[in-house]
Amino acid sequence: MARSRSLLSKPHEERRLARVMVLCAGFGTRLRPMTLELPKPLVPLGDRSLLGRIVQHLADEGVSEVVINTHHLMGKFNNISEQLQAKIHVVPEPEIRGTAGGVAGAREHLEAPALVWNGDIWCEPPVRELLALSAPFTLLVSPRAKGEGSVGLGVRRDVVRLRGESFGEEVQGADYVGIAALSAQILDRLPQQGCLVGDVALSWLREGRAIESLELAGSWSDLGNLECYLAANLEWLAGRPSWVGEGAEVAPGVELSRSIVGAGARVEGQGVLEGCVVWPGAVATAPAVSSVFGRGFAVSLR
């Protein structure tokens, strides 16, 4: 098994365990060709990468140590601690292990209870509250109507529906937002390969055990496809008409409308760039609508 390394560690420094792991090893196939250039956790979301945004939120919540696993384009995570100015322990996976296997591979670096955060999800979870929970297994959820969403909840807000299987009477539906709090009991039973939901959570429920839920206050974004990716970036803009990063150049004949132009990027041509994201260092040509421009690709919803 590949051993992790803390990119900010010093020789003989006292070893500390992390309370949070961000899963960063996936291929991000639904976001191709974007994820042929960058792994999904490193795609830009507003003025920084998605992972950078996650790490900043964790820092705001008092979390100073983070573990990530890597596989797809793992070289892009080189020097990630320096880039994000955070203590990040990197666990490379020569062979991808799945969401459960990825956490199992980092078990020796995690203190329980631990928070596991899918690296393609953005929200602002109540980290302190999740880490203070005593339940063996807790999913962070966003409420929906009864029968809707990826999970069903019972009267005690425990999970009673998951992946089409029922484990009790449902009173409310919800979406699992890709963040879970795991006790030592769960961490120690994780398989070396497999899925946290399909191979661990379902197995736990089939044994007649409970999985608790905690409700997320606020919105969440799954950056799993182009439409969701663009929507998350435009939500970041909030009331601003557009945003232009440091060193970016916009041609005089170009009008920006609800678009994000990353640092060092260039927008050429004439006309309106509307609802677009231009990655740092990329070149875009106006006019364009609902498009993402990288250094090696341009992709549009239109």
Protein backbone atom coordinates (compact mmCIF):
# COMPACT_ATOMS: atom_id res chain seq x y z
CA MET A 1 0.00 0.00 0.00
CA ALA A 2 1.32 3.44 -0.94
CA ARG A 3 2.15 5.58 2.08
CA SER A 4 1.00 9.14 2.32
CA ARG A 5 3.18 12.18 2.66
CA SER A 6 2.51 15.52 4.27
CA LEU A 7 3.93 18.11 1.94
CA LEU A 8 4.51 20.52 4.81
CA SER A 9 6.02 18.00 7.20
CA LYS A 10 9.47 18.49 8.67
CA PRO A 11 11.84 15.68 9.68
CA HIS A 12 11.05 14.31 13.13
CA GLU A 13 7.92 16.47 13.36
CA GLU A 14 5.33 15.01 15.73
CA ARG A 15 2.79 13.10 13.66
CA ARG A 16 -0.79 14.32 13.87
CA LEU A 17 -3.93 12.64 12.64
CA ALA A 18 -6.50 14.39 10.48
CA ARG A 19 -10.23 14.55 11.12
CA VAL A 20 -11.29 15.19 7.49
CA MET A 21 -10.66 13.38 4.21
CA VAL A 22 -11.58 14.76 0.80
CA LEU A 23 -11.96 12.10 -1.90
CA CYS A 24 -9.98 13.25 -4.95
CA ALA A 25 -9.13 10.07 -6.87
CA GLY A 26 -12.09 9.81 -9.26
CA PHE A 27 -11.95 10.11 -13.04
CA GLY A 28 -14.71 12.73 -13.37
CA THR A 29 -15.96 11.13 -16.59
CA ARG A 30 -19.17 13.19 -16.73
CA LEU A 31 -17.10 16.38 -16.87
CA ARG A 32 -14.92 15.37 -19.82
CA PRO A 33 -13.15 16.96 -21.63
CA MET A 34 -12.64 19.29 -18.66
CA THR A 35 -11.30 16.48 -16.48
CA LEU A 36 -8.82 15.43 -19.13
CA GLU A 37 -7.05 18.68 -18.24
CA LEU A 38 -7.62 18.80 -14.49
CA PRO A 39 -8.94 16.31 -11.90
CA LYS A 40 -12.43 17.32 -10.81
CA PRO A 41 -11.46 18.63 -7.34
CA LEU A 42 -9.05 21.07 -9.00
CA VAL A 43 -11.47 22.58 -11.54
CA PRO A 44 -12.00 26.31 -10.94
CA LEU A 45 -15.05 27.37 -8.94
CA GLY A 46 -15.14 31.15 -8.90
CA ASP A 47 -11.76 32.59 -7.97
CA ARG A 48 -10.10 29.34 -6.85
CA SER A 49 -10.27 25.57 -7.30
CA LEU A 50 -13.10 23.50 -5.83
CA LEU A 51 -10.58 21.84 -3.49
CA GLY A 52 -9.25 25.25 -2.51
CA ARG A 53 -12.76 26.33 -1.63
CA ILE A 54 -13.32 23.16 0.44
CA VAL A 55 -10.02 23.58 2.30
CA GLN A 56 -10.81 27.23 3.05
CA HIS A 57 -14.20 26.30 4.51
CA LEU A 58 -12.55 23.61 6.64
CA ALA A 59 -10.00 26.15 7.88
CA ASP A 60 -12.82 28.53 8.77
CA GLU A 61 -14.34 25.66 10.79
CA GLY A 62 -11.09 25.09 12.66
CA VAL A 63 -9.78 22.10 10.66
CA SER A 64 -6.04 22.45 10.01
CA GLU A 65 -5.17 18.95 8.73
CA VAL A 66 -6.75 17.37 5.65
CA VAL A 67 -6.16 14.04 3.92
CA ILE A 68 -6.77 13.53 0.21
CA ASN A 69 -6.39 10.48 -2.02
CA THR A 70 -5.29 10.78 -5.64
CA HIS A 71 -5.30 8.62 -8.75
CA HIS A 72 -6.52 10.37 -11.92
CA LEU A 73 -3.95 12.99 -13.01
CA MET A 74 -2.30 12.64 -9.61
CA GLY A 75 0.66 14.76 -10.73
CA LYS A 76 -1.64 17.79 -10.72
CA PHE A 77 -1.70 17.54 -6.92
CA ASN A 78 2.07 17.97 -6.61
CA ASN A 79 2.85 20.81 -4.19
CA ILE A 80 -0.85 21.11 -3.34
CA SER A 81 -0.05 22.10 0.25
CA GLU A 82 1.99 25.06 -0.94
CA GLN A 83 -0.63 25.99 -3.52
CA LEU A 84 -3.44 26.04 -0.99
CA GLN A 85 -1.30 27.08 2.00
CA ALA A 86 -2.67 24.23 4.07
CA LYS A 87 -1.46 21.01 5.68
CA ILE A 88 -2.60 18.36 3.24
CA HIS A 89 -1.59 14.72 3.46
CA VAL A 90 -1.64 13.05 0.04
CA VAL A 91 -2.36 9.32 -0.29
CA PRO A 92 -1.65 8.17 -3.88
CA GLU A 93 -3.61 5.21 -5.24
CA PRO A 94 -1.76 3.37 -8.05
CA GLU A 95 -5.03 1.48 -8.58
CA ILE A 96 -8.27 3.29 -7.84
CA ARG A 97 -10.00 1.83 -4.78
CA GLY A 98 -13.45 3.46 -4.68
CA THR A 99 -14.90 5.74 -2.04
CA ALA A 100 -14.75 3.18 0.77
CA GLY A 101 -11.42 1.73 -0.26
CA GLY A 102 -9.93 5.20 -0.55
CA VAL A 103 -10.78 5.98 3.05
CA ALA A 104 -9.54 2.55 4.16
CA GLY A 105 -6.22 3.28 2.47
CA ALA A 106 -5.88 6.44 4.54
CA ARG A 107 -7.14 4.94 7.81
CA GLU A 108 -3.82 5.21 9.64
CA HIS A 109 -3.87 8.98 9.07
CA LEU A 110 -7.44 9.58 10.27
CA GLU A 111 -8.74 10.19 13.76
CA ALA A 112 -12.29 9.09 14.52
CA PRO A 113 -14.89 10.32 14.14
CA ALA A 114 -13.82 11.46 10.71
CA LEU A 115 -15.55 13.51 8.06
CA VAL A 116 -15.44 12.16 4.49
CA TRP A 117 -16.20 14.71 1.74
CA ASN A 118 -16.68 13.77 -1.92
CA GLY A 119 -14.30 15.95 -3.91
CA ASP A 120 -16.92 16.90 -6.51
CA ILE A 121 -19.33 18.46 -4.00
CA TRP A 122 -19.50 22.07 -2.89
CA CYS A 123 -21.49 23.28 0.09
CA GLU A 124 -20.77 24.77 3.49
CA PRO A 125 -21.41 21.90 5.92
CA PRO A 126 -21.53 22.27 9.71
CA VAL A 127 -18.14 20.64 10.21
CA ARG A 128 -17.89 21.11 13.96
CA GLU A 129 -21.34 19.64 14.50
CA LEU A 130 -20.62 16.64 12.27
CA LEU A 131 -17.34 15.89 14.06
CA ALA A 132 -19.07 16.10 17.45
CA LEU A 133 -21.68 13.44 16.61
CA SER A 134 -21.59 10.17 18.51
CA ALA A 135 -23.58 8.05 16.03
CA PRO A 136 -21.60 5.37 14.17
CA PHE A 137 -22.66 6.55 10.71
CA THR A 138 -24.20 9.91 9.74
CA LEU A 139 -25.06 11.27 6.30
CA LEU A 140 -25.38 14.97 5.58
CA VAL A 141 -28.61 15.47 3.64
CA SER A 142 -30.65 18.16 1.93
CA PRO A 143 -34.41 17.72 2.56
CA ARG A 144 -36.91 16.95 -0.18
CA ALA A 145 -40.51 15.77 -0.35
CA LYS A 146 -41.42 12.26 0.77
CA GLY A 147 -40.41 9.68 -1.83
CA GLU A 148 -38.02 12.07 -3.58
CA GLY A 149 -34.24 12.22 -3.49
CA SER A 150 -31.51 9.64 -3.05
CA VAL A 151 -32.48 8.72 0.54
CA GLY A 152 -35.63 8.41 2.62
CA LEU A 153 -35.82 9.41 6.27
CA GLY A 154 -37.88 7.97 9.10
CA VAL A 155 -39.60 9.76 11.95
CA ARG A 156 -36.29 9.91 13.90
CA ARG A 157 -34.52 11.25 10.81
CA ASP A 158 -32.69 7.96 10.39
CA VAL A 159 -32.12 6.60 6.88
CA VAL A 160 -34.89 4.18 5.86
CA ARG A 161 -34.46 4.23 2.07
CA LEU A 162 -31.19 3.93 0.18
CA ARG A 163 -30.44 2.86 -3.38
CA GLY A 164 -34.01 1.64 -3.86
CA GLU A 165 -34.04 -0.54 -0.74
CA SER A 166 -36.44 0.18 2.13
CA PHE A 167 -35.59 -0.28 5.82
CA GLY A 168 -38.58 1.31 7.51
CA GLU A 169 -41.41 3.80 7.12
CA GLU A 170 -40.44 6.94 5.25
CA VAL A 171 -41.77 10.34 6.32
CA GLN A 172 -39.46 12.57 4.27
CA GLY A 173 -37.17 12.34 1.27
CA ALA A 174 -33.72 13.87 0.99
CA ASP A 175 -30.58 14.02 -1.11
CA TYR A 176 -27.33 12.70 0.32
CA VAL A 177 -24.91 15.53 -0.41
CA GLY A 178 -21.73 13.43 -0.46
CA ILE A 179 -20.47 14.18 3.06
CA ALA A 180 -20.53 11.63 5.88
CA ALA A 181 -19.32 11.37 9.48
CA LEU A 182 -17.82 7.98 10.30
CA SER A 183 -17.03 6.54 13.72
CA ALA A 184 -14.03 4.29 14.43
CA GLN A 185 -16.40 1.33 14.21
CA ILE A 186 -17.24 2.19 10.59
CA LEU A 187 -13.71 3.23 9.63
CA ASP A 188 -12.33 -0.08 10.85
CA ARG A 189 -14.77 -2.16 8.79
CA LEU A 190 -14.20 -0.41 5.46
CA PRO A 191 -13.19 -2.74 2.61
CA GLN A 192 -9.92 -2.24 0.78
CA GLN A 193 -11.92 -1.81 -2.44
CA GLY A 194 -15.50 -0.65 -2.76
CA CYS A 195 -18.15 2.03 -2.42
CA LEU A 196 -19.00 3.82 0.82
CA VAL A 197 -22.72 3.79 0.01
CA GLY A 198 -23.16 0.56 -1.95
CA ASP A 199 -20.77 -1.66 0.00
CA VAL A 200 -20.77 -0.15 3.48
CA ALA A 201 -23.92 1.88 4.18
CA LEU A 202 -26.26 -0.64 2.58
CA SER A 203 -24.56 -3.52 4.38
CA TRP A 204 -24.91 -1.66 7.69
CA LEU A 205 -28.63 -1.09 7.12
CA ARG A 206 -29.21 -4.71 6.05
CA GLU A 207 -27.77 -5.79 9.41
CA GLY A 208 -30.58 -3.85 11.09
CA ARG A 209 -28.31 -1.02 12.24
CA ALA A 210 -29.14 2.67 12.03
CA ILE A 211 -27.65 5.40 9.87
CA GLU A 212 -28.41 8.87 11.17
CA SER A 213 -28.82 12.03 9.10
CA LEU A 214 -28.01 15.69 9.66
CA GLU A 215 -29.76 18.36 7.64
CA LEU A 216 -27.68 20.79 5.60
CA ALA A 217 -28.74 24.41 5.98
CA GLY A 218 -28.23 26.10 2.64
CA SER A 219 -27.61 25.03 -0.92
CA TRP A 220 -25.23 22.44 -2.32
CA SER A 221 -23.76 21.74 -5.75
CA ASP A 222 -22.70 18.50 -7.38
CA LEU A 223 -20.22 19.57 -10.05
CA GLY A 224 -20.79 16.30 -11.85
CA ASN A 225 -21.72 17.63 -15.30
CA LEU A 226 -21.29 20.75 -17.41
CA GLU A 227 -24.69 22.21 -16.56
CA CYS A 228 -24.13 21.84 -12.82
CA TYR A 229 -20.58 23.15 -13.13
CA LEU A 230 -21.70 26.32 -14.89
CA ALA A 231 -24.59 26.81 -12.46
CA ALA A 232 -22.26 26.56 -9.45
CA ASN A 233 -19.90 29.15 -10.93
CA LEU A 234 -22.72 31.56 -11.75
CA GLU A 235 -24.09 31.11 -8.23
CA TRP A 236 -20.66 32.12 -6.91
CA LEU A 237 -20.96 35.39 -8.83
CA ALA A 238 -24.03 36.26 -6.75
CA GLY A 239 -24.92 39.89 -7.48
CA ARG A 240 -21.77 40.70 -9.43
CA PRO A 241 -22.20 41.15 -13.19
CA SER A 242 -18.88 39.37 -13.93
CA TRP A 243 -15.46 38.69 -12.43
CA VAL A 244 -12.00 39.10 -13.99
CA GLY A 245 -8.91 37.62 -12.34
CA GLU A 246 -5.49 39.14 -11.91
CA GLY A 247 -3.57 39.58 -15.16
CA ALA A 248 -6.50 38.60 -17.37
CA GLU A 249 -7.07 40.48 -20.63
CA VAL A 250 -10.43 41.21 -22.26
CA ALA A 251 -10.42 42.63 -25.79
CA PRO A 252 -12.01 46.08 -26.21
CA GLY A 253 -14.76 44.69 -28.43
CA VAL A 254 -15.88 42.08 -25.86
CA GLU A 255 -18.71 42.59 -23.38
CA LEU A 256 -18.82 40.31 -20.34
CA SER A 257 -22.22 39.24 -19.03
CA ARG A 258 -22.32 36.99 -15.91
CA SER A 259 -18.99 35.43 -16.84
CA ILE A 260 -15.83 34.49 -14.95
CA VAL A 261 -12.42 35.10 -16.51
CA GLY A 262 -9.60 33.44 -14.56
CA ALA A 263 -6.20 34.86 -13.72
CA GLY A 264 -3.94 35.26 -16.74
CA ALA A 265 -6.70 34.30 -19.18
CA ARG A 266 -7.45 36.13 -22.42
CA VAL A 267 -10.75 36.85 -24.15
CA GLU A 268 -10.49 37.69 -27.84
CA GLY A 269 -12.96 38.50 -30.63
CA GLN A 270 -16.00 40.74 -30.53
CA GLY A 271 -19.42 40.42 -28.99
CA VAL A 272 -20.86 39.15 -25.73
CA LEU A 273 -19.39 36.46 -23.52
CA GLU A 274 -22.48 35.38 -21.59
CA GLY A 275 -22.67 32.85 -18.76
CA CYS A 276 -19.16 31.54 -19.46
CA VAL A 277 -16.18 30.38 -17.40
CA VAL A 278 -12.67 30.94 -18.74
CA TRP A 279 -10.08 28.97 -16.79
CA PRO A 280 -6.85 30.60 -15.61
CA GLY A 281 -4.40 30.90 -18.49
CA ALA A 282 -6.97 29.89 -21.12
CA VAL A 283 -8.00 31.75 -24.28
CA ALA A 284 -11.68 32.32 -25.14
CA THR A 285 -13.24 33.84 -28.23
CA ALA A 286 -16.40 35.95 -28.17
CA PRO A 287 -19.25 35.71 -28.87
CA ALA A 288 -20.03 32.68 -26.71
CA VAL A 289 -22.85 31.56 -24.43
CA SER A 290 -22.88 29.01 -21.57
CA SER A 291 -19.38 27.74 -22.35
CA VAL A 292 -16.26 26.69 -20.48
CA PHE A 293 -12.82 27.41 -21.93
CA GLY A 294 -9.71 25.57 -20.74
CA ARG A 295 -6.19 25.57 -22.08
CA GLY A 296 -6.90 22.53 -24.23
CA PHE A 297 -10.67 22.55 -24.75
CA ALA A 298 -13.80 24.61 -25.26
CA VAL A 299 -17.18 23.08 -24.42
CA SER A 300 -20.66 24.57 -24.56
CA LEU A 301 -24.23 23.76 -23.48
CA ARG A 302 -25.48 25.30 -26.70
